[in-house]
């Protein structure tokens, strides 16, 4: 029985030598257990398109693998190539059509990675979409990251309930509001904007504007909006589908069982 597209990851930055078996083995060497890989190729030349779809048994396995492996070196690559993963949709969506509710998470110790950040929030909130630690040019944590929610009420709850949370890394975390960067200020690729990722300063919560007691939350632009937008718009298109919205590419599906080399 065909697996749901919701259980699939898009994987980019593939090199020409990365076959389906290579990709399967790379995931398994990292402790994950994908079922199949569909490698995208140019339907006219047969050349690899540079990305594929990786299928898992459940949504949870796919999401966990994405957060565990994103940004980590792919086993067997020399020079090192890092995992670039995103959830694959089962329908085509233009970037920016989905509402995003984000928070900035700061004072993170250097040992906290994407997966730990994701688990800390997904264990308390049901609508977590992604969690991303911001890295410097050397691949080390800058001590903060962003968490994206599918529900605004959960994002607002996290602003209060998770501020000062102990149990993620070695020190209490700080929480601030984060908003998508305005379209006219979006950068082409993550990391080209060096102005502290759009820090906007403190939101005005003075008593003169409101009698409601609120913490003096700062507000950040969420650069991961650009990060994910750069990888969205990919979906699992069956070979038989006549509409070719992804360009001149098709999926080459593996039909043979995979085994660890």
C-alpha atoms as a PDB file:
ATOM      1  CA  UNK A   1       0.000   0.000   0.000  1.00  0.00           C
ATOM      2  CA  UNK A   2       1.351   3.422  -0.900  1.00  0.00           C
ATOM      3  CA  UNK A   3       2.411   5.550   2.033  1.00  0.00           C
ATOM      4  CA  UNK A   4       0.952   8.985   2.710  1.00  0.00           C
ATOM      5  CA  UNK A   5       2.871  11.980   1.408  1.00  0.00           C
ATOM      6  CA  UNK A   6       2.581  13.383   4.931  1.00  0.00           C
ATOM      7  CA  UNK A   7       5.157  10.776   5.986  1.00  0.00           C
ATOM      8  CA  UNK A   8       7.725  12.014   3.494  1.00  0.00           C
ATOM      9  CA  UNK A   9      10.713  14.321   3.681  1.00  0.00           C
ATOM     10  CA  UNK A  10      12.162  16.380   0.892  1.00  0.00           C
ATOM     11  CA  UNK A  11      15.969  16.123   0.830  1.00  0.00           C
ATOM     12  CA  UNK A  12      18.066  18.638  -1.088  1.00  0.00           C
ATOM     13  CA  UNK A  13      21.708  19.393  -1.928  1.00  0.00           C
ATOM     14  CA  UNK A  14      22.205  15.894  -3.341  1.00  0.00           C
ATOM     15  CA  UNK A  15      25.467  15.186  -5.132  1.00  0.00           C
ATOM     16  CA  UNK A  16      25.652  13.198  -8.361  1.00  0.00           C
ATOM     17  CA  UNK A  17      27.053  10.103  -6.619  1.00  0.00           C
ATOM     18  CA  UNK A  18      24.167   9.906  -4.113  1.00  0.00           C
ATOM     19  CA  UNK A  19      22.019   6.999  -5.239  1.00  0.00           C
ATOM     20  CA  UNK A  20      18.869   5.731  -3.546  1.00  0.00           C
ATOM     21  CA  UNK A  21      20.880   3.040  -1.748  1.00  0.00           C
ATOM     22  CA  UNK A  22      23.420   5.634  -0.587  1.00  0.00           C
ATOM     23  CA  UNK A  23      20.663   7.823   0.872  1.00  0.00           C
ATOM     24  CA  UNK A  24      18.914   4.898   2.569  1.00  0.00           C
ATOM     25  CA  UNK A  25      22.235   3.807   4.108  1.00  0.00           C
ATOM     26  CA  UNK A  26      23.019   7.361   5.264  1.00  0.00           C
ATOM     27  CA  UNK A  27      19.727   7.605   7.173  1.00  0.00           C
ATOM     28  CA  UNK A  28      20.145   4.152   8.686  1.00  0.00           C
ATOM     29  CA  UNK A  29      23.693   4.954   9.771  1.00  0.00           C
ATOM     30  CA  UNK A  30      22.199   7.916  11.679  1.00  0.00           C
ATOM     31  CA  UNK A  31      19.691   5.654  13.437  1.00  0.00           C
ATOM     32  CA  UNK A  32      16.656   6.391  11.245  1.00  0.00           C
ATOM     33  CA  UNK A  33      14.639   3.850   9.282  1.00  0.00           C
ATOM     34  CA  UNK A  34      13.219   5.190   6.004  1.00  0.00           C
ATOM     35  CA  UNK A  35      11.148   2.840   3.863  1.00  0.00           C
ATOM     36  CA  UNK A  36      11.859   4.083   0.341  1.00  0.00           C
ATOM     37  CA  UNK A  37      13.604   6.889  -1.537  1.00  0.00           C
ATOM     38  CA  UNK A  38      12.314   8.526  -4.718  1.00  0.00           C
ATOM     39  CA  UNK A  39      15.150  10.227  -6.549  1.00  0.00           C
ATOM     40  CA  UNK A  40      14.114  13.097  -8.832  1.00  0.00           C
ATOM     41  CA  UNK A  41      15.633  13.183 -12.313  1.00  0.00           C
ATOM     42  CA  UNK A  42      15.351  15.378 -15.363  1.00  0.00           C
ATOM     43  CA  UNK A  43      12.847  13.540 -17.535  1.00  0.00           C
ATOM     44  CA  UNK A  44      14.619  14.596 -20.732  1.00  0.00           C
ATOM     45  CA  UNK A  45      18.267  13.927 -19.831  1.00  0.00           C
ATOM     46  CA  UNK A  46      17.912  11.443 -16.961  1.00  0.00           C
ATOM     47  CA  UNK A  47      20.371  13.476 -14.902  1.00  0.00           C
ATOM     48  CA  UNK A  48      19.802  13.764 -11.114  1.00  0.00           C
ATOM     49  CA  UNK A  49      17.824  16.899 -10.175  1.00  0.00           C
ATOM     50  CA  UNK A  50      19.614  17.337  -6.855  1.00  0.00           C
ATOM     51  CA  UNK A  51      16.773  16.348  -4.539  1.00  0.00           C
ATOM     52  CA  UNK A  52      14.628  13.388  -3.574  1.00  0.00           C
ATOM     53  CA  UNK A  53      11.731  12.278  -1.388  1.00  0.00           C
ATOM     54  CA  UNK A  54      12.372   9.999   1.589  1.00  0.00           C
ATOM     55  CA  UNK A  55       9.417   7.989   2.826  1.00  0.00           C
ATOM     56  CA  UNK A  56       8.812   6.883   6.444  1.00  0.00           C
ATOM     57  CA  UNK A  57       6.205   4.672   8.075  1.00  0.00           C
ATOM     58  CA  UNK A  58       4.661   7.456  10.179  1.00  0.00           C
ATOM     59  CA  UNK A  59       4.480  11.248  10.400  1.00  0.00           C
ATOM     60  CA  UNK A  60       6.292  11.144  13.724  1.00  0.00           C
ATOM     61  CA  UNK A  61       9.242   9.222  12.281  1.00  0.00           C
ATOM     62  CA  UNK A  62       9.560  11.695   9.412  1.00  0.00           C
ATOM     63  CA  UNK A  63       9.351  14.771  11.658  1.00  0.00           C
ATOM     64  CA  UNK A  64      11.777  13.329  14.198  1.00  0.00           C
ATOM     65  CA  UNK A  65      14.284  12.462  11.485  1.00  0.00           C
ATOM     66  CA  UNK A  66      14.084  15.972  10.056  1.00  0.00           C
ATOM     67  CA  UNK A  67      14.815  17.626  13.396  1.00  0.00           C
ATOM     68  CA  UNK A  68      17.472  15.109  14.398  1.00  0.00           C
ATOM     69  CA  UNK A  69      19.452  15.237  11.164  1.00  0.00           C
ATOM     70  CA  UNK A  70      19.000  18.689   9.626  1.00  0.00           C
ATOM     71  CA  UNK A  71      22.383  20.371   9.320  1.00  0.00           C
ATOM     72  CA  UNK A  72      24.342  17.314  10.390  1.00  0.00           C
ATOM     73  CA  UNK A  73      26.996  15.750   8.101  1.00  0.00           C
ATOM     74  CA  UNK A  74      25.752  12.988   5.805  1.00  0.00           C
ATOM     75  CA  UNK A  75      27.731   9.780   6.452  1.00  0.00           C
ATOM     76  CA  UNK A  76      30.017   8.811   3.606  1.00  0.00           C
ATOM     77  CA  UNK A  77      30.380  12.277   2.070  1.00  0.00           C
ATOM     78  CA  UNK A  78      33.818  13.738   1.322  1.00  0.00           C
ATOM     79  CA  UNK A  79      33.972  16.694   1.315  1.00  0.00           C
ATOM     80  CA  UNK A  80      31.236  16.849   3.938  1.00  0.00           C
ATOM     81  CA  UNK A  81      27.685  17.489   2.724  1.00  0.00           C
ATOM     82  CA  UNK A  82      25.029  18.219   5.340  1.00  0.00           C
ATOM     83  CA  UNK A  83      21.427  17.022   5.499  1.00  0.00           C
ATOM     84  CA  UNK A  84      18.932  19.518   4.075  1.00  0.00           C
ATOM     85  CA  UNK A  85      15.470  18.236   4.936  1.00  0.00           C
ATOM     86  CA  UNK A  86      11.919  19.527   4.907  1.00  0.00           C
ATOM     87  CA  UNK A  87       8.463  18.012   5.238  1.00  0.00           C
ATOM     88  CA  UNK A  88       7.066  17.181   1.784  1.00  0.00           C
ATOM     89  CA  UNK A  89       3.491  18.270   1.171  1.00  0.00           C
ATOM     90  CA  UNK A  90       0.896  16.163  -0.624  1.00  0.00           C
ATOM     91  CA  UNK A  91      -0.249  19.187  -2.609  1.00  0.00           C
ATOM     92  CA  UNK A  92       1.438  22.130  -4.244  1.00  0.00           C
ATOM     93  CA  UNK A  93       1.484  25.285  -2.102  1.00  0.00           C
ATOM     94  CA  UNK A  94       3.120  28.560  -2.885  1.00  0.00           C
ATOM     95  CA  UNK A  95       5.416  29.822  -0.113  1.00  0.00           C
ATOM     96  CA  UNK A  96       3.814  32.354   2.163  1.00  0.00           C
ATOM     97  CA  UNK A  97       0.226  31.059   1.872  1.00  0.00           C
ATOM     98  CA  UNK A  98       0.261  29.483   5.318  1.00  0.00           C
ATOM     99  CA  UNK A  99       0.040  31.569   8.481  1.00  0.00           C
ATOM    100  CA  UNK A 100       3.021  31.178  10.752  1.00  0.00           C
ATOM    101  CA  UNK A 101       3.169  31.853  14.492  1.00  0.00           C
ATOM    102  CA  UNK A 102       6.732  31.919  15.760  1.00  0.00           C
ATOM    103  CA  UNK A 103       8.667  32.533  18.942  1.00  0.00           C
ATOM    104  CA  UNK A 104      12.311  33.371  19.534  1.00  0.00           C
ATOM    105  CA  UNK A 105      14.019  31.125  22.103  1.00  0.00           C
ATOM    106  CA  UNK A 106      17.198  32.499  23.659  1.00  0.00           C
ATOM    107  CA  UNK A 107      19.820  31.702  26.298  1.00  0.00           C
ATOM    108  CA  UNK A 108      20.241  28.248  24.813  1.00  0.00           C
ATOM    109  CA  UNK A 109      23.365  26.380  25.857  1.00  0.00           C
ATOM    110  CA  UNK A 110      25.633  25.200  23.050  1.00  0.00           C
ATOM    111  CA  UNK A 111      24.594  21.550  23.418  1.00  0.00           C
ATOM    112  CA  UNK A 112      20.961  22.194  22.385  1.00  0.00           C
ATOM    113  CA  UNK A 113      20.200  21.120  18.806  1.00  0.00           C
ATOM    114  CA  UNK A 114      17.107  21.299  16.589  1.00  0.00           C
ATOM    115  CA  UNK A 115      15.708  18.012  17.847  1.00  0.00           C
ATOM    116  CA  UNK A 116      16.020  18.898  21.539  1.00  0.00           C
ATOM    117  CA  UNK A 117      14.360  22.258  20.898  1.00  0.00           C
ATOM    118  CA  UNK A 118      11.583  20.560  18.948  1.00  0.00           C
ATOM    119  CA  UNK A 119      10.936  17.910  21.611  1.00  0.00           C
ATOM    120  CA  UNK A 120      10.887  20.435  24.451  1.00  0.00           C
ATOM    121  CA  UNK A 121       7.986  22.273  22.812  1.00  0.00           C
ATOM    122  CA  UNK A 122       6.205  19.421  20.997  1.00  0.00           C
ATOM    123  CA  UNK A 123       5.868  17.589  24.316  1.00  0.00           C
ATOM    124  CA  UNK A 124       3.717  20.491  25.547  1.00  0.00           C
ATOM    125  CA  UNK A 125       2.056  21.836  22.386  1.00  0.00           C
ATOM    126  CA  UNK A 126       0.370  19.872  19.612  1.00  0.00           C
ATOM    127  CA  UNK A 127       0.793  22.270  16.686  1.00  0.00           C
ATOM    128  CA  UNK A 128       4.598  22.588  16.522  1.00  0.00           C
ATOM    129  CA  UNK A 129       5.698  22.767  12.878  1.00  0.00           C
ATOM    130  CA  UNK A 130       9.448  23.258  13.047  1.00  0.00           C
ATOM    131  CA  UNK A 131      12.218  24.171  15.474  1.00  0.00           C
ATOM    132  CA  UNK A 132      15.498  25.620  14.289  1.00  0.00           C
ATOM    133  CA  UNK A 133      18.715  26.584  16.093  1.00  0.00           C
ATOM    134  CA  UNK A 134      20.529  29.477  14.399  1.00  0.00           C
ATOM    135  CA  UNK A 135      24.136  28.599  13.615  1.00  0.00           C
ATOM    136  CA  UNK A 136      27.159  30.735  12.861  1.00  0.00           C
ATOM    137  CA  UNK A 137      29.299  30.353   9.750  1.00  0.00           C
ATOM    138  CA  UNK A 138      31.297  27.594  11.453  1.00  0.00           C
ATOM    139  CA  UNK A 139      28.214  25.539  12.270  1.00  0.00           C
ATOM    140  CA  UNK A 140      28.094  26.376  15.995  1.00  0.00           C
ATOM    141  CA  UNK A 141      24.969  27.488  17.831  1.00  0.00           C
ATOM    142  CA  UNK A 142      24.495  31.223  18.324  1.00  0.00           C
ATOM    143  CA  UNK A 143      22.568  30.456  21.503  1.00  0.00           C
ATOM    144  CA  UNK A 144      19.090  31.076  20.150  1.00  0.00           C
ATOM    145  CA  UNK A 145      16.549  29.624  17.766  1.00  0.00           C
ATOM    146  CA  UNK A 146      12.969  29.801  16.536  1.00  0.00           C
ATOM    147  CA  UNK A 147       9.933  27.568  17.039  1.00  0.00           C
ATOM    148  CA  UNK A 148       6.983  27.705  14.644  1.00  0.00           C
ATOM    149  CA  UNK A 149       3.418  26.898  15.699  1.00  0.00           C
ATOM    150  CA  UNK A 150       0.362  26.052  13.635  1.00  0.00           C
ATOM    151  CA  UNK A 151      -1.997  27.563  16.206  1.00  0.00           C
ATOM    152  CA  UNK A 152      -1.815  31.138  17.444  1.00  0.00           C
ATOM    153  CA  UNK A 153      -3.245  30.348  20.873  1.00  0.00           C
ATOM    154  CA  UNK A 154      -0.436  27.853  21.526  1.00  0.00           C
ATOM    155  CA  UNK A 155       2.185  30.371  20.448  1.00  0.00           C
ATOM    156  CA  UNK A 156       0.714  32.935  22.855  1.00  0.00           C
ATOM    157  CA  UNK A 157       0.618  30.398  25.667  1.00  0.00           C
ATOM    158  CA  UNK A 158       4.261  29.518  25.088  1.00  0.00           C
ATOM    159  CA  UNK A 159       5.261  33.196  25.374  1.00  0.00           C
ATOM    160  CA  UNK A 160       4.122  33.094  28.987  1.00  0.00           C
ATOM    161  CA  UNK A 161       4.432  29.482  30.056  1.00  0.00           C
ATOM    162  CA  UNK A 162       7.865  28.685  28.612  1.00  0.00           C
ATOM    163  CA  UNK A 163       9.661  31.883  29.597  1.00  0.00           C
ATOM    164  CA  UNK A 164      12.269  30.830  32.168  1.00  0.00           C
ATOM    165  CA  UNK A 165      11.688  27.138  31.444  1.00  0.00           C
ATOM    166  CA  UNK A 166      14.330  24.861  32.957  1.00  0.00           C
ATOM    167  CA  UNK A 167      15.070  21.525  31.340  1.00  0.00           C
ATOM    168  CA  UNK A 168      16.328  22.485  27.895  1.00  0.00           C
ATOM    169  CA  UNK A 169      20.097  22.734  28.025  1.00  0.00           C
ATOM    170  CA  UNK A 170      21.914  23.929  31.126  1.00  0.00           C
ATOM    171  CA  UNK A 171      20.137  27.207  31.933  1.00  0.00           C
ATOM    172  CA  UNK A 172      16.678  28.808  31.936  1.00  0.00           C
ATOM    173  CA  UNK A 173      15.522  29.855  28.476  1.00  0.00           C
ATOM    174  CA  UNK A 174      14.126  33.204  27.369  1.00  0.00           C
ATOM    175  CA  UNK A 175      11.112  33.551  25.106  1.00  0.00           C
ATOM    176  CA  UNK A 176      10.212  36.466  22.814  1.00  0.00           C
ATOM    177  CA  UNK A 177       7.696  37.017  20.063  1.00  0.00           C
ATOM    178  CA  UNK A 178       8.890  36.516  16.491  1.00  0.00           C
ATOM    179  CA  UNK A 179       7.177  37.574  13.286  1.00  0.00           C
ATOM    180  CA  UNK A 180       7.798  36.657   9.639  1.00  0.00           C
ATOM    181  CA  UNK A 181      10.105  39.114   7.933  1.00  0.00           C
ATOM    182  CA  UNK A 182       8.255  41.497   5.572  1.00  0.00           C
ATOM    183  CA  UNK A 183       8.269  40.271   1.978  1.00  0.00           C
ATOM    184  CA  UNK A 184      10.238  43.288   0.750  1.00  0.00           C
ATOM    185  CA  UNK A 185      12.981  42.472   3.245  1.00  0.00           C
ATOM    186  CA  UNK A 186      13.224  38.712   2.754  1.00  0.00           C
ATOM    187  CA  UNK A 187      16.695  37.594   1.761  1.00  0.00           C
ATOM    188  CA  UNK A 188      17.348  35.017  -0.932  1.00  0.00           C
ATOM    189  CA  UNK A 189      19.193  32.611   1.339  1.00  0.00           C
ATOM    190  CA  UNK A 190      19.440  32.233   5.091  1.00  0.00           C
ATOM    191  CA  UNK A 191      22.565  33.818   6.520  1.00  0.00           C
ATOM    192  CA  UNK A 192      22.928  36.766   4.150  1.00  0.00           C
ATOM    193  CA  UNK A 193      21.247  39.082   6.635  1.00  0.00           C
ATOM    194  CA  UNK A 194      23.658  39.920   9.449  1.00  0.00           C
ATOM    195  CA  UNK A 195      21.626  42.469  11.402  1.00  0.00           C
ATOM    196  CA  UNK A 196      20.878  40.127  14.335  1.00  0.00           C
ATOM    197  CA  UNK A 197      18.123  38.516  12.298  1.00  0.00           C
ATOM    198  CA  UNK A 198      15.833  41.496  12.337  1.00  0.00           C
ATOM    199  CA  UNK A 199      15.765  42.372  16.030  1.00  0.00           C
ATOM    200  CA  UNK A 200      13.090  45.026  16.427  1.00  0.00           C
ATOM    201  CA  UNK A 201      13.564  45.955  20.053  1.00  0.00           C
ATOM    202  CA  UNK A 202      11.024  45.814  22.839  1.00  0.00           C
ATOM    203  CA  UNK A 203       7.319  45.867  22.172  1.00  0.00           C
ATOM    204  CA  UNK A 204       5.550  48.719  23.917  1.00  0.00           C
ATOM    205  CA  UNK A 205       3.669  47.220  26.850  1.00  0.00           C
ATOM    206  CA  UNK A 206       3.597  50.262  29.097  1.00  0.00           C
ATOM    207  CA  UNK A 207       0.738  50.899  31.496  1.00  0.00           C
ATOM    208  CA  UNK A 208      -0.349  53.919  29.456  1.00  0.00           C
ATOM    209  CA  UNK A 209      -1.309  51.660  26.539  1.00  0.00           C
ATOM    210  CA  UNK A 210      -2.790  48.749  28.448  1.00  0.00           C
ATOM    211  CA  UNK A 211      -3.838  47.827  31.968  1.00  0.00           C
ATOM    212  CA  UNK A 212      -3.142  44.176  31.286  1.00  0.00           C
ATOM    213  CA  UNK A 213      -0.029  42.877  33.014  1.00  0.00           C
ATOM    214  CA  UNK A 214       2.343  41.552  30.365  1.00  0.00           C
ATOM    215  CA  UNK A 215       6.058  40.799  30.322  1.00  0.00           C
ATOM    216  CA  UNK A 216       8.166  43.217  28.304  1.00  0.00           C
ATOM    217  CA  UNK A 217       8.665  40.846  25.401  1.00  0.00           C
ATOM    218  CA  UNK A 218      11.152  41.758  22.744  1.00  0.00           C
ATOM    219  CA  UNK A 219      10.262  40.987  19.151  1.00  0.00           C
ATOM    220  CA  UNK A 220      12.395  39.350  16.481  1.00  0.00           C
ATOM    221  CA  UNK A 221      11.948  38.713  12.816  1.00  0.00           C
ATOM    222  CA  UNK A 222      11.973  34.973  12.198  1.00  0.00           C
ATOM    223  CA  UNK A 223      14.649  34.238   9.558  1.00  0.00           C
ATOM    224  CA  UNK A 224      13.618  30.587   9.421  1.00  0.00           C
ATOM    225  CA  UNK A 225      10.561  31.730   7.474  1.00  0.00           C
ATOM    226  CA  UNK A 226      12.937  32.468   4.615  1.00  0.00           C
ATOM    227  CA  UNK A 227      14.850  29.269   5.380  1.00  0.00           C
ATOM    228  CA  UNK A 228      11.778  27.075   5.001  1.00  0.00           C
ATOM    229  CA  UNK A 229      10.302  29.063   2.115  1.00  0.00           C
ATOM    230  CA  UNK A 230      13.433  28.311   0.122  1.00  0.00           C
ATOM    231  CA  UNK A 231      12.627  24.594   0.437  1.00  0.00           C
ATOM    232  CA  UNK A 232       8.837  24.628   0.177  1.00  0.00           C
ATOM    233  CA  UNK A 233       6.793  24.056  -2.955  1.00  0.00           C
ATOM    234  CA  UNK A 234       7.981  20.470  -3.258  1.00  0.00           C
ATOM    235  CA  UNK A 235       5.517  17.633  -3.257  1.00  0.00           C
ATOM    236  CA  UNK A 236       5.321  13.974  -4.051  1.00  0.00           C
ATOM    237  CA  UNK A 237       4.035  13.834  -7.606  1.00  0.00           C
ATOM    238  CA  UNK A 238       3.252  10.358  -8.997  1.00  0.00           C
ATOM    239  CA  UNK A 239       4.915   9.542 -12.301  1.00  0.00           C
ATOM    240  CA  UNK A 240       1.536   9.093 -13.982  1.00  0.00           C
ATOM    241  CA  UNK A 241       0.343  12.613 -13.144  1.00  0.00           C
ATOM    242  CA  UNK A 242       0.307  14.643 -16.402  1.00  0.00           C
ATOM    243  CA  UNK A 243       0.722  18.055 -14.757  1.00  0.00           C
ATOM    244  CA  UNK A 244       4.406  18.904 -14.373  1.00  0.00           C
ATOM    245  CA  UNK A 245       4.476  21.838 -11.932  1.00  0.00           C
ATOM    246  CA  UNK A 246       7.915  20.998 -10.532  1.00  0.00           C
ATOM    247  CA  UNK A 247       9.614  21.440 -13.890  1.00  0.00           C
ATOM    248  CA  UNK A 248      11.110  18.789 -16.103  1.00  0.00           C
ATOM    249  CA  UNK A 249      11.535  16.205 -13.364  1.00  0.00           C
ATOM    250  CA  UNK A 250      10.151  12.824 -12.516  1.00  0.00           C
ATOM    251  CA  UNK A 251      10.472  10.439  -9.595  1.00  0.00           C
ATOM    252  CA  UNK A 252      12.443   7.245  -9.928  1.00  0.00           C
ATOM    253  CA  UNK A 253      10.929   5.020  -7.259  1.00  0.00           C
ATOM    254  CA  UNK A 254      12.808   2.175  -5.669  1.00  0.00           C
ATOM    255  CA  UNK A 255      10.832  -1.037  -5.814  1.00  0.00           C
ATOM    256  CA  UNK A 256      13.381  -3.445  -4.370  1.00  0.00           C
ATOM    257  CA  UNK A 257      13.809  -3.967  -0.605  1.00  0.00           C
ATOM    258  CA  UNK A 258      16.684  -2.076   0.947  1.00  0.00           C
ATOM    259  CA  UNK A 259      19.319  -3.552   3.165  1.00  0.00           C
ATOM    260  CA  UNK A 260      22.136  -2.041   5.138  1.00  0.00           C
ATOM    261  CA  UNK A 261      25.349  -2.320   3.173  1.00  0.00           C
END
